[in-house]
Amino acid sequence: MAEAREGGRSKHLVAGEQAETAALEYLKAQGLSLVERNFRCRRGEIDLVMREGSGLVFVEVRYRASSRYGSPLESIDARKRGRLVAAASHYLAVNRVDCPARFDVVALTPGPAQLELQWIKNAFQDSPT
């Protein structure tokens, strides 16, 4: 079955981008500032790199249109955490950054009127350094 497309891109990519933008706007409203969006390297990808005070926050944005395959949080398994840690370590090394860093997750699901958002600070304790 062909996947629905919007503007030449698959529907799930458009929904993911919208969720990422919603997460970014929410975090900015909470006082964080954007450093980089969609940092990619051979080791993995980081959706949002944000600054909070003197530290960096590596943010994984997870969107689920339904709970059929689990919640957005349940989709972050050990393998995904390992890729996030590896990508964050690479980011810190390439940019020669030496500051406190943490991993947050913003989980989004459809709500009755708008996206429901859950921000989990220090979502896991692996260290990127």
Protein backbone atom coordinates (compact mmCIF):
# COMPACT_ATOMS: atom_id res chain seq x y z
CA MET A 1 0.00 0.00 0.00
CA ALA A 2 1.41 3.40 -0.96
CA GLU A 3 2.06 5.80 1.87
CA ALA A 4 0.24 9.14 1.81
CA ARG A 5 2.46 12.03 0.81
CA GLU A 6 2.33 15.72 1.55
CA GLY A 7 4.42 18.04 -0.61
CA GLY A 8 6.45 15.09 -1.90
CA ARG A 9 7.35 13.88 1.61
CA SER A 10 5.79 10.98 3.44
CA LYS A 11 3.09 11.82 5.94
CA HIS A 12 5.02 10.39 8.91
CA LEU A 13 8.06 12.60 8.12
CA VAL A 14 5.84 15.68 8.01
CA ALA A 15 4.22 14.70 11.34
CA GLY A 16 7.66 14.10 12.87
CA GLU A 17 8.90 17.49 11.74
CA GLN A 18 5.81 19.18 13.16
CA ALA A 19 6.31 17.38 16.48
CA GLU A 20 9.96 18.45 16.55
CA THR A 21 8.97 22.06 15.90
CA ALA A 22 6.36 21.89 18.69
CA ALA A 23 8.98 20.49 21.08
CA LEU A 24 11.47 23.21 20.10
CA GLU A 25 8.94 26.00 20.68
CA TYR A 26 7.95 24.49 24.04
CA LEU A 27 11.56 24.23 25.21
CA LYS A 28 12.32 27.78 24.09
CA ALA A 29 9.31 28.97 26.10
CA GLN A 30 10.84 27.17 29.11
CA GLY A 31 14.05 29.23 28.76
CA LEU A 32 16.27 26.92 26.70
CA SER A 33 17.94 28.21 23.55
CA LEU A 34 18.58 26.32 20.33
CA VAL A 35 22.18 25.51 19.49
CA GLU A 36 21.61 23.06 16.64
CA ARG A 37 18.77 21.12 15.07
CA ASN A 38 19.13 17.64 13.56
CA PHE A 39 22.82 17.08 14.25
CA ARG A 40 23.81 14.02 12.23
CA CYS A 41 26.98 12.00 12.22
CA ARG A 42 27.95 8.44 11.39
CA ARG A 43 27.13 7.41 14.95
CA GLY A 44 23.58 8.72 15.05
CA GLU A 45 21.37 11.79 15.16
CA ILE A 46 20.37 14.26 17.82
CA ASP A 47 17.07 16.01 17.18
CA LEU A 48 17.78 19.15 19.20
CA VAL A 49 20.89 20.46 20.91
CA MET A 50 19.79 23.13 23.40
CA ARG A 51 21.56 25.32 25.91
CA GLU A 52 20.25 25.72 29.43
CA GLY A 53 22.42 27.96 31.57
CA SER A 54 26.03 26.82 31.19
CA GLY A 55 25.10 23.30 30.10
CA LEU A 56 23.97 21.51 26.97
CA VAL A 57 20.80 19.47 26.65
CA PHE A 58 20.63 16.75 24.01
CA VAL A 59 16.94 16.31 23.21
CA GLU A 60 15.32 13.28 21.62
CA VAL A 61 11.85 14.08 20.27
CA ARG A 62 9.48 11.11 19.99
CA TYR A 63 6.05 11.25 18.39
CA ARG A 64 3.50 8.47 18.22
CA ALA A 65 0.22 8.86 16.36
CA SER A 66 -1.22 5.96 18.35
CA SER A 67 -0.23 3.72 21.24
CA ARG A 68 -0.64 0.56 19.15
CA TYR A 69 3.11 -0.06 19.23
CA GLY A 70 3.76 1.47 22.64
CA SER A 71 4.24 4.97 23.97
CA PRO A 72 6.83 7.38 22.60
CA LEU A 73 8.96 6.78 25.70
CA GLU A 74 8.87 3.00 25.26
CA SER A 75 10.39 3.43 21.81
CA ILE A 76 13.74 4.53 23.28
CA ASP A 77 15.48 1.24 23.88
CA ALA A 78 19.08 0.50 24.92
CA ARG A 79 20.27 0.54 21.31
CA LYS A 80 18.74 3.98 20.69
CA ARG A 81 20.22 5.31 23.94
CA GLY A 82 23.63 4.01 22.87
CA ARG A 83 23.35 5.80 19.52
CA LEU A 84 22.33 9.03 21.27
CA VAL A 85 25.28 8.81 23.66
CA ALA A 86 27.68 8.11 20.78
CA ALA A 87 26.33 11.02 18.72
CA ALA A 88 26.47 13.37 21.73
CA SER A 89 30.07 12.33 22.46
CA HIS A 90 30.95 13.01 18.83
CA TYR A 91 29.21 16.40 18.98
CA LEU A 92 31.14 17.41 22.10
CA ALA A 93 34.47 16.29 20.60
CA VAL A 94 33.98 17.90 17.18
CA ASN A 95 32.81 21.19 18.69
CA ARG A 96 35.39 21.08 21.50
CA VAL A 97 32.72 21.62 24.11
CA ASP A 98 33.47 20.92 27.76
CA CYS A 99 30.41 21.61 29.88
CA PRO A 100 27.75 19.72 31.78
CA ALA A 101 25.36 17.84 29.49
CA ARG A 102 22.22 15.78 29.90
CA PHE A 103 19.73 13.84 27.83
CA ASP A 104 16.08 14.90 27.78
CA VAL A 105 13.15 13.39 25.93
CA VAL A 106 10.10 15.24 24.66
CA ALA A 107 7.28 12.77 24.00
CA LEU A 108 4.32 13.90 21.93
CA THR A 109 0.99 12.25 21.23
CA PRO A 110 -2.19 13.54 19.58
CA GLY A 111 -4.62 15.13 21.98
CA PRO A 112 -8.24 16.20 21.60
CA ALA A 113 -7.37 19.74 20.49
CA GLN A 114 -3.58 19.79 20.13
CA LEU A 115 -0.47 17.69 20.67
CA GLU A 116 0.04 16.49 24.22
CA LEU A 117 3.63 17.01 25.30
CA GLN A 118 5.63 15.41 28.09
CA TRP A 119 9.15 16.72 28.85
CA ILE A 120 11.38 14.31 30.74
CA LYS A 121 14.58 15.90 32.02
CA ASN A 122 17.54 13.59 32.58
CA ALA A 123 15.61 10.86 30.80
CA PHE A 124 18.56 8.51 31.15
CA GLN A 125 21.86 8.76 32.94
CA ASP A 126 24.40 7.68 30.32
CA SER A 127 27.18 10.23 30.10
CA PRO A 128 28.19 11.71 26.74
CA THR A 129 31.67 12.56 28.02
